[in-house]
Amino acid sequence: MTSNAPAHDFLLPRLTALVDEAVANGIAREVAVAVLIDLVTSPRFDTAAPDPRDDSAPHPLWDRGPDSVVLVSGMSPKGPPALDAQDEADFIKPIPLFGPS
């Protein structure tokens, strides 16, 4: 398998020999290939990984900090109500299934 890319033609036989050597030492071919993929895509080799220093500047509308207010459906949730607090369930009259009310 050749291509017009000199890097491809240079690296392919070397990688094939490396995988074959790993197989000869008792490592499954799939494992050797998976480890090579893991190594090549690690930050040490993967130059396409974003640099955190190149990130955009913080913006107050969407950046959150440890003291930011939590919103659920546009409202800040409160803690559980007090045990003696009344809510709408306190004013609902039960309807009997059978018989007069």
PDB file of N, CA and C in Angstrom:
ATOM      1  N   MET A   1       0.852  -1.174   0.000  1.00  0.00           N
ATOM      2  CA  MET A   1       0.000   0.000   0.000  1.00  0.00           C
ATOM      3  C   MET A   1       0.893   1.231   0.000  1.00  0.00           C
ATOM      4  N   THR A   2       0.865   1.958  -1.055  1.00  0.00           N
ATOM      5  CA  THR A   2       1.663   3.167  -1.177  1.00  0.00           C
ATOM      6  C   THR A   2       0.756   4.331  -1.467  1.00  0.00           C
ATOM      7  N   SER A   3       1.286   5.503  -1.252  1.00  0.00           N
ATOM      8  CA  SER A   3       0.542   6.714  -1.550  1.00  0.00           C
ATOM      9  C   SER A   3       1.518   7.729  -2.090  1.00  0.00           C
ATOM     10  N   ASN A   4       1.011   8.881  -2.409  1.00  0.00           N
ATOM     11  CA  ASN A   4       1.872   9.945  -2.910  1.00  0.00           C
ATOM     12  C   ASN A   4       2.558  10.690  -1.766  1.00  0.00           C
ATOM     13  N   ALA A   5       2.201  10.369  -0.525  1.00  0.00           N
ATOM     14  CA  ALA A   5       2.776  11.069   0.616  1.00  0.00           C
ATOM     15  C   ALA A   5       4.072  10.381   1.042  1.00  0.00           C
ATOM     16  N   PRO A   6       5.194  11.092   1.028  1.00  0.00           N
ATOM     17  CA  PRO A   6       6.449  10.482   1.446  1.00  0.00           C
ATOM     18  C   PRO A   6       6.422  10.041   2.914  1.00  0.00           C
ATOM     19  N   ALA A   7       5.709  10.765   3.752  1.00  0.00           N
ATOM     20  CA  ALA A   7       5.633  10.381   5.165  1.00  0.00           C
ATOM     21  C   ALA A   7       4.932   9.033   5.309  1.00  0.00           C
ATOM     22  N   HIS A   8       3.883   8.811   4.524  1.00  0.00           N
ATOM     23  CA  HIS A   8       3.159   7.547   4.562  1.00  0.00           C
ATOM     24  C   HIS A   8       4.075   6.398   4.154  1.00  0.00           C
ATOM     25  N   ASP A   9       4.791   6.590   3.056  1.00  0.00           N
ATOM     26  CA  ASP A   9       5.689   5.548   2.562  1.00  0.00           C
ATOM     27  C   ASP A   9       6.845   5.299   3.527  1.00  0.00           C
ATOM     28  N   PHE A  10       7.241   6.309   4.255  1.00  0.00           N
ATOM     29  CA  PHE A  10       8.335   6.162   5.214  1.00  0.00           C
ATOM     30  C   PHE A  10       7.871   5.442   6.487  1.00  0.00           C
ATOM     31  N   LEU A  11       6.688   5.807   7.001  1.00  0.00           N
ATOM     32  CA  LEU A  11       6.233   5.294   8.298  1.00  0.00           C
ATOM     33  C   LEU A  11       5.565   3.931   8.226  1.00  0.00           C
ATOM     34  N   LEU A  12       4.879   3.615   7.134  1.00  0.00           N
ATOM     35  CA  LEU A  12       4.125   2.369   7.062  1.00  0.00           C
ATOM     36  C   LEU A  12       4.978   1.125   7.296  1.00  0.00           C
ATOM     37  N   PRO A  13       6.115   0.952   6.650  1.00  0.00           N
ATOM     38  CA  PRO A  13       6.887  -0.265   6.913  1.00  0.00           C
ATOM     39  C   PRO A  13       7.429  -0.324   8.340  1.00  0.00           C
ATOM     40  N   ARG A  14       7.722   0.804   8.923  1.00  0.00           N
ATOM     41  CA  ARG A  14       8.240   0.838  10.289  1.00  0.00           C
ATOM     42  C   ARG A  14       7.146   0.476  11.302  1.00  0.00           C
ATOM     43  N   LEU A  15       5.953   1.015  11.085  1.00  0.00           N
ATOM     44  CA  LEU A  15       4.843   0.669  11.980  1.00  0.00           C
ATOM     45  C   LEU A  15       4.446  -0.794  11.827  1.00  0.00           C
ATOM     46  N   THR A  16       4.456  -1.282  10.596  1.00  0.00           N
ATOM     47  CA  THR A  16       4.142  -2.693  10.351  1.00  0.00           C
ATOM     48  C   THR A  16       5.153  -3.590  11.056  1.00  0.00           C
ATOM     49  N   ALA A  17       6.424  -3.229  10.980  1.00  0.00           N
ATOM     50  CA  ALA A  17       7.466  -4.012  11.650  1.00  0.00           C
ATOM     51  C   ALA A  17       7.300  -3.941  13.170  1.00  0.00           C
ATOM     52  N   LEU A  18       6.901  -2.782  13.682  1.00  0.00           N
ATOM     53  CA  LEU A  18       6.700  -2.644  15.131  1.00  0.00           C
ATOM     54  C   LEU A  18       5.544  -3.511  15.608  1.00  0.00           C
ATOM     55  N   VAL A  19       4.441  -3.522  14.866  1.00  0.00           N
ATOM     56  CA  VAL A  19       3.293  -4.350  15.232  1.00  0.00           C
ATOM     57  C   VAL A  19       3.657  -5.826  15.115  1.00  0.00           C
ATOM     58  N   ASP A  20       4.367  -6.191  14.058  1.00  0.00           N
ATOM     59  CA  ASP A  20       4.789  -7.588  13.902  1.00  0.00           C
ATOM     60  C   ASP A  20       5.705  -8.030  15.041  1.00  0.00           C
ATOM     61  N   GLU A  21       6.582  -7.147  15.490  1.00  0.00           N
ATOM     62  CA  GLU A  21       7.468  -7.467  16.612  1.00  0.00           C
ATOM     63  C   GLU A  21       6.672  -7.634  17.909  1.00  0.00           C
ATOM     64  N   ALA A  22       5.656  -6.787  18.088  1.00  0.00           N
ATOM     65  CA  ALA A  22       4.804  -6.911  19.274  1.00  0.00           C
ATOM     66  C   ALA A  22       4.066  -8.247  19.256  1.00  0.00           C
ATOM     67  N   VAL A  23       3.559  -8.655  18.100  1.00  0.00           N
ATOM     68  CA  VAL A  23       2.862  -9.938  17.964  1.00  0.00           C
ATOM     69  C   VAL A  23       3.834 -11.086  18.256  1.00  0.00           C
ATOM     70  N   ALA A  24       5.064 -10.980  17.780  1.00  0.00           N
ATOM     71  CA  ALA A  24       6.068 -12.018  18.028  1.00  0.00           C
ATOM     72  C   ALA A  24       6.411 -12.135  19.513  1.00  0.00           C
ATOM     73  N   ASN A  25       6.198 -11.043  20.260  1.00  0.00           N
ATOM     74  CA  ASN A  25       6.458 -11.062  21.703  1.00  0.00           C
ATOM     75  C   ASN A  25       5.216 -11.403  22.516  1.00  0.00           C
ATOM     76  N   GLY A  26       4.155 -11.866  21.855  1.00  0.00           N
ATOM     77  CA  GLY A  26       2.979 -12.349  22.574  1.00  0.00           C
ATOM     78  C   GLY A  26       1.864 -11.337  22.756  1.00  0.00           C
ATOM     79  N   ILE A  27       1.958 -10.170  22.165  1.00  0.00           N
ATOM     80  CA  ILE A  27       0.909  -9.159  22.277  1.00  0.00           C
ATOM     81  C   ILE A  27      -0.040  -9.329  21.093  1.00  0.00           C
ATOM     82  N   ALA A  28      -1.323  -9.347  21.375  1.00  0.00           N
ATOM     83  CA  ALA A  28      -2.314  -9.483  20.302  1.00  0.00           C
ATOM     84  C   ALA A  28      -2.216  -8.290  19.346  1.00  0.00           C
ATOM     85  N   ARG A  29      -2.410  -8.568  18.047  1.00  0.00           N
ATOM     86  CA  ARG A  29      -2.296  -7.513  17.034  1.00  0.00           C
ATOM     87  C   ARG A  29      -3.254  -6.359  17.329  1.00  0.00           C
ATOM     88  N   GLU A  30      -4.486  -6.687  17.731  1.00  0.00           N
ATOM     89  CA  GLU A  30      -5.474  -5.637  18.022  1.00  0.00           C
ATOM     90  C   GLU A  30      -5.027  -4.766  19.186  1.00  0.00           C
ATOM     91  N   VAL A  31      -4.409  -5.410  20.183  1.00  0.00           N
ATOM     92  CA  VAL A  31      -3.940  -4.653  21.351  1.00  0.00           C
ATOM     93  C   VAL A  31      -2.791  -3.742  20.947  1.00  0.00           C
ATOM     94  N   ALA A  32      -1.860  -4.244  20.149  1.00  0.00           N
ATOM     95  CA  ALA A  32      -0.725  -3.436  19.705  1.00  0.00           C
ATOM     96  C   ALA A  32      -1.198  -2.219  18.913  1.00  0.00           C
ATOM     97  N   VAL A  33      -2.157  -2.435  18.015  1.00  0.00           N
ATOM     98  CA  VAL A  33      -2.678  -1.323  17.218  1.00  0.00           C
ATOM     99  C   VAL A  33      -3.417  -0.329  18.115  1.00  0.00           C
ATOM    100  N   ALA A  34      -4.207  -0.845  19.064  1.00  0.00           N
ATOM    101  CA  ALA A  34      -4.939   0.046  19.967  1.00  0.00           C
ATOM    102  C   ALA A  34      -3.986   0.882  20.811  1.00  0.00           C
ATOM    103  N   VAL A  35      -2.902   0.279  21.288  1.00  0.00           N
ATOM    104  CA  VAL A  35      -1.934   1.027  22.090  1.00  0.00           C
ATOM    105  C   VAL A  35      -1.240   2.081  21.235  1.00  0.00           C
ATOM    106  N   LEU A  36      -0.906   1.740  19.992  1.00  0.00           N
ATOM    107  CA  LEU A  36      -0.301   2.738  19.104  1.00  0.00           C
ATOM    108  C   LEU A  36      -1.243   3.910  18.856  1.00  0.00           C
ATOM    109  N   ILE A  37      -2.515   3.610  18.644  1.00  0.00           N
ATOM    110  CA  ILE A  37      -3.490   4.690  18.447  1.00  0.00           C
ATOM    111  C   ILE A  37      -3.580   5.548  19.703  1.00  0.00           C
ATOM    112  N   ASP A  38      -3.614   4.915  20.859  1.00  0.00           N
ATOM    113  CA  ASP A  38      -3.674   5.651  22.123  1.00  0.00           C
ATOM    114  C   ASP A  38      -2.452   6.547  22.292  1.00  0.00           C
ATOM    115  N   LEU A  39      -1.285   6.014  21.969  1.00  0.00           N
ATOM    116  CA  LEU A  39      -0.061   6.799  22.110  1.00  0.00           C
ATOM    117  C   LEU A  39      -0.012   7.972  21.131  1.00  0.00           C
ATOM    118  N   VAL A  40      -0.378   7.707  19.880  1.00  0.00           N
ATOM    119  CA  VAL A  40      -0.288   8.755  18.862  1.00  0.00           C
ATOM    120  C   VAL A  40      -1.310   9.862  19.112  1.00  0.00           C
ATOM    121  N   THR A  41      -2.460   9.525  19.674  1.00  0.00           N
ATOM    122  CA  THR A  41      -3.482  10.547  19.931  1.00  0.00           C
ATOM    123  C   THR A  41      -3.335  11.198  21.297  1.00  0.00           C
ATOM    124  N   SER A  42      -2.305  10.834  22.055  1.00  0.00           N
ATOM    125  CA  SER A  42      -2.068  11.466  23.356  1.00  0.00           C
ATOM    126  C   SER A  42      -1.529  12.875  23.146  1.00  0.00           C
ATOM    127  N   PRO A  43      -1.615  13.729  24.149  1.00  0.00           N
ATOM    128  CA  PRO A  43      -1.148  15.111  23.998  1.00  0.00           C
ATOM    129  C   PRO A  43       0.326  15.218  23.611  1.00  0.00           C
ATOM    130  N   ARG A  44       1.108  14.206  23.923  1.00  0.00           N
ATOM    131  CA  ARG A  44       2.530  14.273  23.571  1.00  0.00           C
ATOM    132  C   ARG A  44       2.734  14.303  22.061  1.00  0.00           C
ATOM    133  N   PHE A  45       1.880  13.611  21.294  1.00  0.00           N
ATOM    134  CA  PHE A  45       2.029  13.542  19.854  1.00  0.00           C
ATOM    135  C   PHE A  45       0.955  14.307  19.095  1.00  0.00           C
ATOM    136  N   ASP A  46      -0.227  14.426  19.652  1.00  0.00           N
ATOM    137  CA  ASP A  46      -1.353  15.023  18.941  1.00  0.00           C
ATOM    138  C   ASP A  46      -1.266  16.544  19.017  1.00  0.00           C
ATOM    139  N   THR A  47      -0.793  17.153  17.951  1.00  0.00           N
ATOM    140  CA  THR A  47      -0.676  18.614  17.937  1.00  0.00           C
ATOM    141  C   THR A  47      -2.004  19.285  17.646  1.00  0.00           C
ATOM    142  N   ALA A  48      -3.033  18.494  17.299  1.00  0.00           N
ATOM    143  CA  ALA A  48      -4.344  19.075  17.029  1.00  0.00           C
ATOM    144  C   ALA A  48      -5.124  19.325  18.310  1.00  0.00           C
ATOM    145  N   ALA A  49      -4.617  18.850  19.455  1.00  0.00           N
ATOM    146  CA  ALA A  49      -5.312  19.068  20.719  1.00  0.00           C
ATOM    147  C   ALA A  49      -5.321  20.563  21.030  1.00  0.00           C
ATOM    148  N   PRO A  50      -6.450  21.106  21.475  1.00  0.00           N
ATOM    149  CA  PRO A  50      -6.517  22.535  21.752  1.00  0.00           C
ATOM    150  C   PRO A  50      -5.623  22.916  22.931  1.00  0.00           C
ATOM    151  N   ASP A  51      -5.010  24.034  22.806  1.00  0.00           N
ATOM    152  CA  ASP A  51      -4.166  24.554  23.870  1.00  0.00           C
ATOM    153  C   ASP A  51      -5.056  25.367  24.814  1.00  0.00           C
ATOM    154  N   PRO A  52      -5.089  25.030  26.103  1.00  0.00           N
ATOM    155  CA  PRO A  52      -5.982  25.773  27.008  1.00  0.00           C
ATOM    156  C   PRO A  52      -5.632  27.252  27.089  1.00  0.00           C
ATOM    157  N   ARG A  53      -4.397  27.614  26.772  1.00  0.00           N
ATOM    158  CA  ARG A  53      -4.012  29.023  26.803  1.00  0.00           C
ATOM    159  C   ARG A  53      -4.592  29.786  25.624  1.00  0.00           C
ATOM    160  N   ASP A  54      -5.023  29.062  24.577  1.00  0.00           N
ATOM    161  CA  ASP A  54      -5.613  29.705  23.407  1.00  0.00           C
ATOM    162  C   ASP A  54      -7.125  29.840  23.516  1.00  0.00           C
ATOM    163  N   ASP A  55      -7.691  29.507  24.662  1.00  0.00           N
ATOM    164  CA  ASP A  55      -9.137  29.568  24.838  1.00  0.00           C
ATOM    165  C   ASP A  55      -9.606  31.017  24.832  1.00  0.00           C
ATOM    166  N   SER A  56     -10.888  31.207  24.589  1.00  0.00           N
ATOM    167  CA  SER A  56     -11.424  32.559  24.558  1.00  0.00           C
ATOM    168  C   SER A  56     -11.429  33.168  25.951  1.00  0.00           C
ATOM    169  N   ALA A  57     -11.499  34.475  25.973  1.00  0.00           N
ATOM    170  CA  ALA A  57     -11.518  35.192  27.246  1.00  0.00           C
ATOM    171  C   ALA A  57     -12.824  34.911  27.988  1.00  0.00           C
ATOM    172  N   PRO A  58     -12.812  34.922  29.320  1.00  0.00           N
ATOM    173  CA  PRO A  58     -14.041  34.687  30.088  1.00  0.00           C
ATOM    174  C   PRO A  58     -15.113  35.728  29.760  1.00  0.00           C
ATOM    175  N   HIS A  59     -16.333  35.296  29.804  1.00  0.00           N
ATOM    176  CA  HIS A  59     -17.464  36.192  29.546  1.00  0.00           C
ATOM    177  C   HIS A  59     -18.458  36.039  30.696  1.00  0.00           C
ATOM    178  N   PRO A  60     -18.911  37.126  31.299  1.00  0.00           N
ATOM    179  CA  PRO A  60     -19.770  37.021  32.483  1.00  0.00           C
ATOM    180  C   PRO A  60     -21.130  36.385  32.225  1.00  0.00           C
ATOM    181  N   LEU A  61     -21.608  36.352  30.966  1.00  0.00           N
ATOM    182  CA  LEU A  61     -22.930  35.787  30.718  1.00  0.00           C
ATOM    183  C   LEU A  61     -22.945  34.268  30.701  1.00  0.00           C
ATOM    184  N   TRP A  62     -21.827  33.632  30.356  1.00  0.00           N
ATOM    185  CA  TRP A  62     -21.861  32.170  30.283  1.00  0.00           C
ATOM    186  C   TRP A  62     -20.777  31.482  31.097  1.00  0.00           C
ATOM    187  N   ASP A  63     -19.823  32.199  31.640  1.00  0.00           N
ATOM    188  CA  ASP A  63     -18.820  31.566  32.494  1.00  0.00           C
ATOM    189  C   ASP A  63     -19.328  31.533  33.926  1.00  0.00           C
ATOM    190  N   ARG A  64     -19.174  30.382  34.569  1.00  0.00           N
ATOM    191  CA  ARG A  64     -19.665  30.205  35.931  1.00  0.00           C
ATOM    192  C   ARG A  64     -18.494  30.032  36.870  1.00  0.00           C
ATOM    193  N   GLY A  65     -18.653  30.535  38.037  1.00  0.00           N
ATOM    194  CA  GLY A  65     -17.648  30.382  39.071  1.00  0.00           C
ATOM    195  C   GLY A  65     -18.228  29.630  40.249  1.00  0.00           C
ATOM    196  N   PRO A  66     -17.418  29.401  41.279  1.00  0.00           N
ATOM    197  CA  PRO A  66     -17.927  28.654  42.430  1.00  0.00           C
ATOM    198  C   PRO A  66     -19.043  29.373  43.180  1.00  0.00           C
ATOM    199  N   ASP A  67     -19.131  30.693  43.044  1.00  0.00           N
ATOM    200  CA  ASP A  67     -20.171  31.453  43.757  1.00  0.00           C
ATOM    201  C   ASP A  67     -21.340  31.821  42.855  1.00  0.00           C
ATOM    202  N   SER A  68     -21.390  31.275  41.649  1.00  0.00           N
ATOM    203  CA  SER A  68     -22.464  31.605  40.713  1.00  0.00           C
ATOM    204  C   SER A  68     -23.801  31.052  41.212  1.00  0.00           C
ATOM    205  N   VAL A  69     -24.872  31.773  40.883  1.00  0.00           N
ATOM    206  CA  VAL A  69     -26.212  31.358  41.270  1.00  0.00           C
ATOM    207  C   VAL A  69     -26.666  30.252  40.329  1.00  0.00           C
ATOM    208  N   VAL A  70     -27.236  29.204  40.873  1.00  0.00           N
ATOM    209  CA  VAL A  70     -27.761  28.109  40.073  1.00  0.00           C
ATOM    210  C   VAL A  70     -29.179  28.463  39.664  1.00  0.00           C
ATOM    211  N   LEU A  71     -29.491  28.320  38.374  1.00  0.00           N
ATOM    212  CA  LEU A  71     -30.836  28.593  37.886  1.00  0.00           C
ATOM    213  C   LEU A  71     -31.441  27.327  37.312  1.00  0.00           C
ATOM    214  N   VAL A  72     -32.690  27.066  37.686  1.00  0.00           N
ATOM    215  CA  VAL A  72     -33.449  25.955  37.136  1.00  0.00           C
ATOM    216  C   VAL A  72     -34.721  26.561  36.569  1.00  0.00           C
ATOM    217  N   SER A  73     -34.900  26.432  35.258  1.00  0.00           N
ATOM    218  CA  SER A  73     -36.048  27.042  34.566  1.00  0.00           C
ATOM    219  C   SER A  73     -36.121  28.532  34.856  1.00  0.00           C
ATOM    220  N   GLY A  74     -34.977  29.198  34.892  1.00  0.00           N
ATOM    221  CA  GLY A  74     -34.936  30.639  35.097  1.00  0.00           C
ATOM    222  C   GLY A  74     -35.114  31.082  36.526  1.00  0.00           C
ATOM    223  N   MET A  75     -35.234  30.158  37.464  1.00  0.00           N
ATOM    224  CA  MET A  75     -35.426  30.518  38.873  1.00  0.00           C
ATOM    225  C   MET A  75     -34.334  29.893  39.713  1.00  0.00           C
ATOM    226  N   SER A  76     -33.966  30.575  40.761  1.00  0.00           N
ATOM    227  CA  SER A  76     -32.979  30.042  41.686  1.00  0.00           C
ATOM    228  C   SER A  76     -33.686  29.083  42.639  1.00  0.00           C
ATOM    229  N   PRO A  77     -33.288  27.811  42.669  1.00  0.00           N
ATOM    230  CA  PRO A  77     -33.976  26.866  43.547  1.00  0.00           C
ATOM    231  C   PRO A  77     -33.667  27.161  45.006  1.00  0.00           C
ATOM    232  N   LYS A  78     -34.671  26.942  45.803  1.00  0.00           N
ATOM    233  CA  LYS A  78     -34.508  27.141  47.240  1.00  0.00           C
ATOM    234  C   LYS A  78     -34.372  25.780  47.885  1.00  0.00           C
ATOM    235  N   GLY A  79     -33.942  25.761  49.098  1.00  0.00           N
ATOM    236  CA  GLY A  79     -33.830  24.510  49.826  1.00  0.00           C
ATOM    237  C   GLY A  79     -35.194  23.920  50.108  1.00  0.00           C
ATOM    238  N   PRO A  80     -35.254  22.799  50.767  1.00  0.00           N
ATOM    239  CA  PRO A  80     -36.548  22.186  51.069  1.00  0.00           C
ATOM    240  C   PRO A  80     -37.360  23.091  51.994  1.00  0.00           C
ATOM    241  N   PRO A  81     -38.677  23.063  51.863  1.00  0.00           N
ATOM    242  CA  PRO A  81     -39.510  23.917  52.720  1.00  0.00           C
ATOM    243  C   PRO A  81     -39.453  23.444  54.171  1.00  0.00           C
ATOM    244  N   ALA A  82     -39.781  24.349  55.051  1.00  0.00           N
ATOM    245  CA  ALA A  82     -39.822  24.000  56.479  1.00  0.00           C
ATOM    246  C   ALA A  82     -40.905  22.943  56.698  1.00  0.00           C
ATOM    247  N   LEU A  83     -40.722  22.141  57.722  1.00  0.00           N
ATOM    248  CA  LEU A  83     -41.672  21.055  57.984  1.00  0.00           C
ATOM    249  C   LEU A  83     -43.075  21.565  58.278  1.00  0.00           C
ATOM    250  N   ASP A  84     -43.203  22.744  58.877  1.00  0.00           N
ATOM    251  CA  ASP A  84     -44.530  23.257  59.216  1.00  0.00           C
ATOM    252  C   ASP A  84     -45.086  24.197  58.138  1.00  0.00           C
ATOM    253  N   ALA A  85     -44.404  24.352  57.019  1.00  0.00           N
ATOM    254  CA  ALA A  85     -44.867  25.242  55.954  1.00  0.00           C
ATOM    255  C   ALA A  85     -46.045  24.603  55.216  1.00  0.00           C
ATOM    256  N   GLN A  86     -47.002  25.463  54.789  1.00  0.00           N
ATOM    257  CA  GLN A  86     -48.151  24.973  54.044  1.00  0.00           C
ATOM    258  C   GLN A  86     -47.885  25.146  52.553  1.00  0.00           C
ATOM    259  N   ASP A  87     -48.371  24.196  51.779  1.00  0.00           N
ATOM    260  CA  ASP A  87     -48.306  24.328  50.335  1.00  0.00           C
ATOM    261  C   ASP A  87     -49.663  23.959  49.757  1.00  0.00           C
ATOM    262  N   GLU A  88     -49.769  23.884  48.418  1.00  0.00           N
ATOM    263  CA  GLU A  88     -51.072  23.638  47.798  1.00  0.00           C
ATOM    264  C   GLU A  88     -51.670  22.284  48.192  1.00  0.00           C
ATOM    265  N   ALA A  89     -50.850  21.327  48.576  1.00  0.00           N
ATOM    266  CA  ALA A  89     -51.372  20.014  48.961  1.00  0.00           C
ATOM    267  C   ALA A  89     -52.163  20.090  50.272  1.00  0.00           C
ATOM    268  N   ASP A  90     -51.927  21.107  51.083  1.00  0.00           N
ATOM    269  CA  ASP A  90     -52.655  21.251  52.344  1.00  0.00           C
ATOM    270  C   ASP A  90     -54.103  21.690  52.120  1.00  0.00           C
ATOM    271  N   PHE A  91     -54.436  22.183  50.945  1.00  0.00           N
ATOM    272  CA  PHE A  91     -55.764  22.716  50.693  1.00  0.00           C
ATOM    273  C   PHE A  91     -56.571  21.851  49.734  1.00  0.00           C
ATOM    274  N   ILE A  92     -56.108  20.664  49.429  1.00  0.00           N
ATOM    275  CA  ILE A  92     -56.838  19.761  48.533  1.00  0.00           C
ATOM    276  C   ILE A  92     -57.695  18.844  49.370  1.00  0.00           C
ATOM    277  N   LYS A  93     -58.982  18.775  49.033  1.00  0.00           N
ATOM    278  CA  LYS A  93     -59.907  17.913  49.752  1.00  0.00           C
ATOM    279  C   LYS A  93     -59.912  16.550  49.082  1.00  0.00           C
ATOM    280  N   PRO A  94     -59.661  15.492  49.821  1.00  0.00           N
ATOM    281  CA  PRO A  94     -59.668  14.159  49.217  1.00  0.00           C
ATOM    282  C   PRO A  94     -61.065  13.814  48.697  1.00  0.00           C
ATOM    283  N   ILE A  95     -61.128  13.114  47.590  1.00  0.00           N
ATOM    284  CA  ILE A  95     -62.386  12.680  47.004  1.00  0.00           C
ATOM    285  C   ILE A  95     -62.512  11.180  47.275  1.00  0.00           C
ATOM    286  N   PRO A  96     -63.575  10.779  47.963  1.00  0.00           N
ATOM    287  CA  PRO A  96     -63.750   9.353  48.206  1.00  0.00           C
ATOM    288  C   PRO A  96     -64.101   8.619  46.913  1.00  0.00           C
ATOM    289  N   LEU A  97     -63.557   7.425  46.745  1.00  0.00           N
ATOM    290  CA  LEU A  97     -63.834   6.653  45.544  1.00  0.00           C
ATOM    291  C   LEU A  97     -65.247   6.094  45.549  1.00  0.00           C
ATOM    292  N   PHE A  98     -65.742   5.666  46.719  1.00  0.00           N
ATOM    293  CA  PHE A  98     -67.059   5.079  46.829  1.00  0.00           C
ATOM    294  C   PHE A  98     -67.828   5.750  47.962  1.00  0.00           C
ATOM    295  N   GLY A  99     -69.015   6.133  47.692  1.00  0.00           N
ATOM    296  CA  GLY A  99     -69.859   6.689  48.745  1.00  0.00           C
ATOM    297  C   GLY A  99     -69.867   8.203  48.729  1.00  0.00           C
ATOM    298  N   PRO A 100     -70.715   8.789  49.559  1.00  0.00           N
ATOM    299  CA  PRO A 100     -70.844  10.255  49.600  1.00  0.00           C
ATOM    300  C   PRO A 100     -69.628  10.874  50.289  1.00  0.00           C
ATOM    301  N   SER A 101     -69.428  12.113  49.968  1.00  0.00           N
ATOM    302  CA  SER A 101     -68.293  12.820  50.586  1.00  0.00           C
ATOM    303  C   SER A 101     -68.707  13.551  51.817  1.00  0.00           C
TER     304      SER A 101
END
